[in-house]
Amino acid sequence: MEPKYKRILLKLSGEALAGTKKTGLDYDVITPICQSIKKCADAGVEIAIVVGGGNFWRGRSSGAMDRTRADHIGMLATSMNALALADVLESLGCQVRVQTAISMTQIAEPYIRNRAMRHFEKGRIVIFGCGTGNPFFSTDTAAALRAAEIEADILLKATMVDGVYDKDPNRYDDAVKFDTLSFSRVLSGHLAVMDSTAATLCRDNNMPMIVFDLARPDNILDAAMGKTVGTLVCGDAEE
């Protein structure tokens, strides 16, 4: 079976890598995720990954630190997660390169778009660390930006819920799940999918997104192959 999407940008939350520990890295959780990513690569999908850092650092929410410095620490947290993902993927036989948006040349390549494109041609998975390299921008925004830059066919956002709802399904029993919706609806309805900057970037660059549950890691493969999982968000979704 041929994959539906030739090139994907996979957004992983840092919290997802911690599993039930809530902090740090849980390899019993990370390994199945990487196994699904490898299946995508084996199917011929070109893969880029953006990972968050919330399993190591949530300093922004404390309000006790200068926002710029807190965001810089968060960027370093994402680089640790990028290296951990690379290590597991390499142990599974994948070729991986880590690129970071701030310079740390002893441990990762600097982010260079053309070099990333060359890695895809060589069959390598590219993991982007350090977000956009700028404070005040989330890793969701980094994912939307990198997806547009590398001309990904779709942005896959792996979350802890099975799609997009009109309200928090963990708090409201009558929450309704969307099968499809538009980025304009996400923005106007203040739906908790991603921040407004990321959603606007996707909308303005015609970058479709699938939001799905990472509790079943093979949802990554299913989404890449075109199977129906989660919620499809795009510019002209029927609502």
Foldseek 3Di string as FASTA:
>chain_A
DAWPWQEEEEEEEQQQQCPPVSADGDVVRLLLLLVLVVVCLVNNHAYEYEYWQRNHADPVVVPPDDQFVSLQVRLVSRVVVLVVSCVSNVVVPAAEFEEECDDDPVPHHHDDLVVSLVCSVVSHYYYYTSQNVGTPDGNLLSSLVSCLSNVTQAYEYEDAAFAWWLDDVVVDVPIDHAQEEELVCCVVSVTPPDDNNSSVSCAVSFHKYFYGYCVPSNVVVCVRRPHRTYHIYTHDDDD
